[in-house]
Amino acid sequence: MRNKTILFLGLTLLLFACGNAPKPEPEAHNTPEEPAFQVTVNDAIQILSDSIAMDSTSAHLYLNRAKAYFANEQVGQSMVDINKSLQLDPNNIETYLLLADVYYALGDKDNIASTLNRAVEINSLDARPLVKLAELNLLQQNFNLAIGYVDKALGLSSYNPRAYFVKGMCYMAAKQDTVNALKNFQLASEQDANFYDPVEQISRIYAVQQPPYALDYLRKAQRQFPDFPTARYELALYLQSHGEPEEALLHYDTLLIQRPDDYIVLFNKGYVNYVYLEDNQTALDYFNLALSANPNYLDAKYNKGRVLEQMGDYTQAMGVYKEVLKARPDYQLAIDAINRVQNQENE
């Protein structure tokens, strides 16, 4: 469970993601301004529990502990504290916003809209529940309704980077209207220079529609967000398919320093070596590493078979292809490969 306080859009972004890679979180890092001692979530829960023991009538304390529990993936305990907080203060909009996130984590989508609508009733001038209602309707593919909620939020204040981002996603999802999507993503990015998601979407639009500008923008995004693995991954992915495989490998190496068992990056290194550099043995090594990290990653297994076939080891290749089909009988590339290998063996 990631980015707990930002409802729904982690899932929505998967609709537009390149490849099968889950979106990585930013790596934690220290800056000179940060204290050497960092309070963990568990520490925060204990501190809040001690405070509640001294003052059990504070809705604020229960709400903060609910947030800490939620951040620690203790959803049940979070719900208990939310209910206690609402008993003590039934009109705190912050509590309803968190409750909507908890309902989503529990898969209880029926209660999300009513919870957010209650937040709107409490404070009709707060844009946050409107934006979350827009996100919910975006996921449910009610695009016009989603845009309506965004426009209501922007009617309260034209400064709302998340609202512009959601609106951009609506244009992308509803009609593949990249012109209006790009306009809203750029507004979101301009309003919040630390907001990575619109930058990611702009990069993807440029990569497809404006290749002359794509590489410069991707490099800029990676420099702007050096601790976001996704920014480096998007750059590497573009480089490998646009004639710079060696530079792509350097970026993948940096990502593997951060996450040595990232099976998507390991697979990509294998793919670059196989397709672009024609180094079959190195490619095979990386496909095997990807499968060690995730034995169920069928794309790595299939491509391992392709390398073995390329190396002339038809027996092993056939065995690998059969393993792919055993896991997924409709994997057409493996079906075609088996037919191809059988024809080669019969010649």
Protein backbone atom coordinates (compact mmCIF):
# COMPACT_ATOMS: atom_id res chain seq x y z
CA MET A 1 0.00 0.00 0.00
CA ARG A 2 1.64 3.24 -1.15
CA ASN A 3 0.88 6.95 -1.11
CA LYS A 4 -1.92 6.41 1.36
CA THR A 5 -3.08 10.01 1.54
CA ILE A 6 -3.52 10.27 -2.23
CA LEU A 7 -6.65 8.39 -3.14
CA PHE A 8 -7.06 6.14 -6.15
CA LEU A 9 -4.65 7.62 -8.70
CA GLY A 10 -1.93 5.06 -8.14
CA LEU A 11 -4.28 2.56 -9.73
CA THR A 12 -5.46 4.94 -12.42
CA LEU A 13 -1.93 5.57 -13.61
CA LEU A 14 -1.55 1.88 -14.39
CA LEU A 15 -4.04 2.39 -17.22
CA PHE A 16 -1.49 4.56 -18.96
CA ALA A 17 1.77 2.97 -17.79
CA CYS A 18 4.33 1.69 -20.26
CA GLY A 19 5.07 -1.98 -19.72
CA ASN A 20 4.17 -4.01 -16.67
CA ALA A 21 6.31 -2.31 -14.11
CA PRO A 22 4.65 -1.14 -10.90
CA LYS A 23 5.27 2.48 -10.25
CA PRO A 24 8.23 2.72 -7.82
CA GLU A 25 8.21 4.96 -4.81
CA PRO A 26 10.81 7.68 -4.37
CA GLU A 27 13.85 6.51 -2.46
CA ALA A 28 14.26 7.97 1.00
CA HIS A 29 17.21 10.31 1.32
CA ASN A 30 18.70 12.66 3.86
CA THR A 31 19.22 16.37 3.31
CA PRO A 32 21.38 18.67 5.43
CA GLU A 33 18.24 20.19 6.95
CA GLU A 34 16.92 16.86 8.21
CA PRO A 35 17.72 15.75 11.75
CA ALA A 36 19.88 12.70 12.16
CA PHE A 37 17.17 10.99 14.19
CA GLN A 38 14.08 9.97 12.23
CA VAL A 39 10.85 9.00 13.97
CA THR A 40 9.44 5.79 12.51
CA VAL A 41 5.74 5.13 12.04
CA ASN A 42 5.83 2.65 14.90
CA ASP A 43 7.45 5.31 17.10
CA ALA A 44 4.69 7.74 16.15
CA ILE A 45 2.00 5.19 16.98
CA GLN A 46 3.55 4.60 20.42
CA ILE A 47 3.87 8.34 21.12
CA LEU A 48 0.25 8.93 20.11
CA SER A 49 -0.90 5.95 22.18
CA ASP A 50 0.85 7.40 25.22
CA SER A 51 -0.81 10.76 24.59
CA ILE A 52 -4.25 9.12 24.22
CA ALA A 53 -3.71 7.33 27.50
CA MET A 54 -3.37 10.77 29.14
CA ASP A 55 -6.18 12.39 27.14
CA SER A 56 -8.78 10.01 25.73
CA THR A 57 -11.14 12.83 24.71
CA SER A 58 -8.99 14.27 21.93
CA ALA A 59 -10.44 13.55 18.48
CA HIS A 60 -7.27 15.00 16.98
CA LEU A 61 -5.06 12.41 18.69
CA TYR A 62 -7.23 9.53 17.48
CA LEU A 63 -7.21 10.95 13.96
CA ASN A 64 -3.42 11.24 13.93
CA ARG A 65 -3.01 7.70 15.23
CA ALA A 66 -5.47 6.51 12.56
CA LYS A 67 -3.25 8.15 9.95
CA ALA A 68 -0.20 6.47 11.43
CA TYR A 69 -1.90 3.07 11.49
CA PHE A 70 -2.97 3.54 7.88
CA ALA A 71 0.57 4.49 6.85
CA ASN A 72 1.72 1.30 8.58
CA GLU A 73 -0.85 -0.78 6.65
CA GLN A 74 -2.79 -1.53 9.83
CA VAL A 75 -6.12 -0.73 8.22
CA GLY A 76 -8.33 -2.34 10.86
CA GLN A 77 -6.75 -0.36 13.69
CA SER A 78 -7.01 2.77 11.58
CA MET A 79 -10.76 2.25 11.17
CA VAL A 80 -11.20 1.80 14.93
CA ASP A 81 -9.49 5.13 15.61
CA ILE A 82 -11.44 6.87 12.83
CA ASN A 83 -14.72 5.78 14.42
CA LYS A 84 -13.54 6.98 17.82
CA SER A 85 -12.47 10.31 16.33
CA LEU A 86 -15.86 10.76 14.66
CA GLN A 87 -17.64 10.01 17.92
CA LEU A 88 -15.70 12.83 19.55
CA ASP A 89 -15.88 15.22 16.59
CA PRO A 90 -18.41 14.21 13.90
CA ASN A 91 -17.70 17.26 11.72
CA ASN A 92 -13.98 17.01 11.09
CA ILE A 93 -13.47 16.92 7.33
CA GLU A 94 -9.95 15.48 7.73
CA THR A 95 -11.42 12.36 9.32
CA TYR A 96 -13.80 11.79 6.41
CA LEU A 97 -11.02 12.21 3.88
CA LEU A 98 -8.99 9.54 5.66
CA LEU A 99 -12.08 7.32 5.98
CA ALA A 100 -12.55 7.43 2.20
CA ASP A 101 -8.96 6.22 1.76
CA VAL A 102 -9.54 3.42 4.25
CA TYR A 103 -12.72 2.31 2.49
CA TYR A 104 -10.79 2.18 -0.75
CA ALA A 105 -8.03 0.10 0.85
CA LEU A 106 -10.69 -2.28 2.15
CA GLY A 107 -12.30 -2.55 -1.27
CA ASP A 108 -15.52 -1.03 0.07
CA LYS A 109 -16.15 1.29 -2.85
CA ASP A 110 -19.85 1.67 -2.08
CA ASN A 111 -19.11 3.78 0.97
CA ILE A 112 -16.46 6.03 -0.61
CA ALA A 113 -18.82 8.40 -2.41
CA SER A 114 -21.14 8.82 0.58
CA THR A 115 -18.16 9.53 2.83
CA LEU A 116 -16.79 12.17 0.48
CA ASN A 117 -20.22 13.71 -0.03
CA ARG A 118 -20.51 14.02 3.74
CA ALA A 119 -17.20 15.88 3.72
CA VAL A 120 -18.59 18.25 1.09
CA GLU A 121 -21.66 18.85 3.28
CA ILE A 122 -19.46 19.72 6.23
CA ASN A 123 -17.39 22.23 4.27
CA SER A 124 -18.54 23.10 0.76
CA LEU A 125 -15.55 25.42 0.36
CA ASP A 126 -12.95 22.65 0.74
CA ALA A 127 -11.85 21.38 -2.68
CA ARG A 128 -10.21 18.16 -1.48
CA PRO A 129 -13.30 15.93 -1.30
CA LEU A 130 -14.38 17.24 -4.71
CA VAL A 131 -11.05 16.22 -6.23
CA LYS A 132 -11.28 12.79 -4.61
CA LEU A 133 -14.81 12.39 -5.96
CA ALA A 134 -13.37 13.22 -9.36
CA GLU A 135 -10.70 10.54 -8.91
CA LEU A 136 -13.35 8.00 -7.91
CA ASN A 137 -15.43 8.75 -10.99
CA LEU A 138 -12.34 8.63 -13.17
CA LEU A 139 -11.71 5.09 -11.96
CA GLN A 140 -15.34 4.23 -12.60
CA GLN A 141 -15.03 5.73 -16.09
CA ASN A 142 -17.65 8.38 -15.40
CA PHE A 143 -15.49 10.94 -17.16
CA ASN A 144 -17.96 13.80 -17.58
CA LEU A 145 -18.94 13.54 -13.92
CA ALA A 146 -15.28 13.46 -12.93
CA ILE A 147 -14.55 16.61 -14.92
CA GLY A 148 -17.60 18.22 -13.33
CA TYR A 149 -16.18 17.63 -9.86
CA VAL A 150 -12.79 18.97 -10.96
CA ASP A 151 -14.38 22.12 -12.33
CA LYS A 152 -16.25 22.63 -9.04
CA ALA A 153 -12.95 22.30 -7.17
CA LEU A 154 -11.24 24.76 -9.52
CA GLY A 155 -14.18 27.12 -9.10
CA LEU A 156 -13.23 27.36 -5.43
CA SER A 157 -9.60 28.12 -6.29
CA SER A 158 -7.67 28.12 -9.55
CA TYR A 159 -4.62 26.90 -7.62
CA ASN A 160 -5.09 23.15 -7.37
CA PRO A 161 -2.39 21.09 -9.10
CA ARG A 162 -4.04 17.77 -8.29
CA ALA A 163 -7.32 18.92 -9.80
CA TYR A 164 -5.58 19.83 -13.05
CA PHE A 165 -3.79 16.49 -13.03
CA VAL A 166 -7.06 14.58 -12.59
CA LYS A 167 -8.63 16.60 -15.38
CA GLY A 168 -5.71 15.73 -17.64
CA MET A 169 -6.16 12.04 -16.84
CA CYS A 170 -9.86 12.34 -17.70
CA TYR A 171 -9.04 13.75 -21.13
CA MET A 172 -6.52 10.97 -21.71
CA ALA A 173 -8.91 8.23 -20.63
CA ALA A 174 -12.11 9.50 -22.19
CA LYS A 175 -11.09 10.49 -25.71
CA GLN A 176 -7.30 10.24 -25.87
CA ASP A 177 -7.45 14.03 -26.12
CA THR A 178 -3.75 14.64 -25.63
CA VAL A 179 -4.00 18.36 -26.43
CA ASN A 180 -6.25 19.11 -23.45
CA ALA A 181 -4.52 16.47 -21.36
CA LEU A 182 -1.13 18.07 -21.97
CA LYS A 183 -2.52 21.53 -21.16
CA ASN A 184 -3.80 20.34 -17.76
CA PHE A 185 -0.69 18.32 -16.94
CA GLN A 186 1.44 21.39 -17.65
CA LEU A 187 -0.74 23.55 -15.39
CA ALA A 188 -0.40 20.97 -12.61
CA SER A 189 3.37 20.86 -13.02
CA GLU A 190 3.68 24.65 -13.14
CA GLN A 191 1.65 25.03 -9.94
CA ASP A 192 3.66 22.42 -8.05
CA ALA A 193 7.25 21.88 -9.14
CA ASN A 194 7.55 18.90 -6.75
CA PHE A 195 4.56 17.03 -8.24
CA TYR A 196 6.01 14.20 -10.32
CA ASP A 197 2.88 12.53 -11.75
CA PRO A 198 2.02 15.23 -14.34
CA VAL A 199 5.67 15.34 -15.40
CA GLU A 200 5.53 11.58 -15.97
CA GLN A 201 2.45 11.90 -18.14
CA ILE A 202 3.92 14.79 -20.14
CA SER A 203 7.01 12.67 -20.77
CA ARG A 204 4.88 9.84 -22.14
CA ILE A 205 2.90 12.15 -24.41
CA TYR A 206 6.10 13.68 -25.78
CA ALA A 207 7.64 10.24 -26.28
CA VAL A 208 4.75 9.23 -28.53
CA GLN A 209 3.77 12.46 -30.23
CA GLN A 210 6.73 14.82 -30.08
CA PRO A 211 9.92 12.72 -30.26
CA PRO A 212 12.18 15.72 -31.03
CA TYR A 213 11.37 17.15 -27.59
CA ALA A 214 10.96 13.90 -25.70
CA LEU A 215 14.58 13.15 -24.83
CA ASP A 216 15.32 16.66 -23.57
CA TYR A 217 12.17 16.61 -21.45
CA LEU A 218 12.91 13.16 -20.05
CA ARG A 219 16.43 14.23 -19.10
CA LYS A 220 15.03 17.36 -17.47
CA ALA A 221 12.47 15.28 -15.54
CA GLN A 222 15.18 12.92 -14.30
CA ARG A 223 17.30 15.84 -13.11
CA GLN A 224 14.28 17.47 -11.48
CA PHE A 225 13.32 14.25 -9.67
CA PRO A 226 16.63 12.42 -9.12
CA ASP A 227 15.24 10.31 -6.27
CA PHE A 228 12.24 9.03 -8.23
CA PRO A 229 13.20 5.71 -9.86
CA THR A 230 10.30 6.08 -12.29
CA ALA A 231 11.86 9.23 -13.78
CA ARG A 232 15.12 7.40 -14.49
CA TYR A 233 13.25 4.32 -15.72
CA GLU A 234 11.19 6.34 -18.23
CA LEU A 235 14.39 7.93 -19.54
CA ALA A 236 16.14 4.56 -19.87
CA LEU A 237 13.13 3.05 -21.61
CA TYR A 238 13.14 5.85 -24.18
CA LEU A 239 16.90 5.63 -24.71
CA GLN A 240 16.89 1.89 -25.36
CA SER A 241 14.31 2.21 -28.14
CA HIS A 242 15.82 5.33 -29.72
CA GLY A 243 19.33 4.26 -30.53
CA GLU A 244 21.09 4.73 -27.16
CA PRO A 245 21.10 1.24 -25.61
CA GLU A 246 24.45 1.69 -23.84
CA GLU A 247 23.25 4.80 -22.02
CA ALA A 248 20.00 3.04 -21.18
CA LEU A 249 22.02 0.25 -19.53
CA LEU A 250 23.85 2.80 -17.38
CA HIS A 251 20.55 4.09 -16.04
CA TYR A 252 19.30 0.56 -15.43
CA ASP A 253 22.52 -0.15 -13.50
CA THR A 254 21.80 2.85 -11.27
CA LEU A 255 18.28 1.58 -10.65
CA LEU A 256 19.63 -1.85 -9.71
CA ILE A 257 21.93 -0.28 -7.14
CA GLN A 258 18.78 1.03 -5.45
CA ARG A 259 16.73 -2.14 -5.99
CA PRO A 260 18.87 -5.15 -6.94
CA ASP A 261 15.86 -7.47 -7.23
CA ASP A 262 13.78 -5.25 -9.53
CA TYR A 263 12.76 -7.93 -12.02
CA ILE A 264 11.45 -5.41 -14.55
CA VAL A 265 14.80 -3.63 -14.74
CA LEU A 266 16.65 -6.96 -14.88
CA PHE A 267 14.36 -8.02 -17.72
CA ASN A 268 14.98 -4.76 -19.57
CA LYS A 269 18.73 -5.24 -19.28
CA GLY A 270 18.31 -8.67 -20.78
CA TYR A 271 16.11 -7.30 -23.55
CA VAL A 272 18.58 -4.53 -24.44
CA ASN A 273 21.43 -7.04 -24.64
CA TYR A 274 19.36 -9.47 -26.70
CA VAL A 275 17.63 -7.13 -29.16
CA TYR A 276 19.94 -4.13 -29.47
CA LEU A 277 23.42 -5.40 -28.59
CA GLU A 278 22.95 -9.01 -29.77
CA ASP A 279 24.80 -10.33 -26.73
CA ASN A 280 22.92 -13.57 -26.18
CA GLN A 281 24.84 -14.86 -23.18
CA THR A 282 24.52 -11.63 -21.21
CA ALA A 283 20.86 -11.44 -22.15
CA LEU A 284 20.32 -15.00 -20.92
CA ASP A 285 22.03 -14.17 -17.62
CA TYR A 286 19.73 -11.21 -17.02
CA PHE A 287 16.58 -13.10 -17.99
CA ASN A 288 17.60 -15.76 -15.46
CA LEU A 289 18.14 -13.07 -12.82
CA ALA A 290 14.71 -11.62 -13.56
CA LEU A 291 13.17 -15.06 -13.16
CA SER A 292 15.03 -15.59 -9.90
CA ALA A 293 13.45 -12.38 -8.63
CA ASN A 294 10.03 -13.28 -10.03
CA PRO A 295 9.63 -16.88 -11.29
CA ASN A 296 6.15 -16.07 -12.61
CA TYR A 297 7.28 -13.30 -14.97
CA LEU A 298 6.30 -14.95 -18.24
CA ASP A 299 7.78 -12.28 -20.52
CA ALA A 300 11.21 -13.02 -19.07
CA LYS A 301 10.62 -16.75 -19.45
CA TYR A 302 9.50 -16.41 -23.06
CA ASN A 303 12.48 -14.22 -23.96
CA LYS A 304 14.79 -16.68 -22.26
CA GLY A 305 13.41 -19.24 -24.68
CA ARG A 306 14.06 -16.87 -27.58
CA VAL A 307 17.70 -16.49 -26.57
CA LEU A 308 18.15 -20.23 -26.20
CA GLU A 309 16.57 -20.71 -29.61
CA GLN A 310 18.88 -18.06 -31.06
CA MET A 311 21.84 -19.90 -29.53
CA GLY A 312 20.71 -23.12 -31.21
CA ASP A 313 19.66 -24.90 -28.03
CA TYR A 314 16.25 -25.97 -29.35
CA THR A 315 15.63 -28.60 -26.68
CA GLN A 316 15.92 -26.16 -23.79
CA ALA A 317 14.07 -23.48 -25.71
CA MET A 318 11.17 -25.83 -26.34
CA GLY A 319 11.04 -26.71 -22.65
CA VAL A 320 10.90 -23.04 -21.70
CA TYR A 321 8.12 -22.30 -24.20
CA LYS A 322 6.10 -25.22 -22.84
CA GLU A 323 6.51 -23.84 -19.31
CA VAL A 324 5.11 -20.51 -20.53
CA LEU A 325 2.10 -22.23 -22.11
CA LYS A 326 1.51 -24.30 -19.00
CA ALA A 327 1.18 -21.07 -17.03
CA ARG A 328 -0.80 -19.28 -19.73
CA PRO A 329 -2.17 -21.44 -22.55
CA ASP A 330 -3.13 -18.41 -24.68
CA TYR A 331 0.39 -16.92 -24.81
CA GLN A 332 0.45 -16.62 -28.60
CA LEU A 333 4.15 -15.84 -28.95
CA ALA A 334 5.03 -19.09 -27.18
CA ILE A 335 2.62 -21.02 -29.40
CA ASP A 336 4.24 -19.52 -32.49
CA ALA A 337 7.70 -20.26 -31.10
CA ILE A 338 6.91 -23.93 -30.50
CA ASN A 339 5.64 -24.28 -34.07
CA ARG A 340 8.73 -22.51 -35.34
CA VAL A 341 11.14 -24.72 -33.38
CA GLN A 342 9.32 -27.87 -34.47
CA ASN A 343 9.61 -26.83 -38.10
CA GLN A 344 13.32 -26.14 -37.67
CA GLU A 345 13.86 -29.55 -36.07
CA ASN A 346 12.00 -31.25 -38.92
CA GLU A 347 14.09 -29.61 -41.64
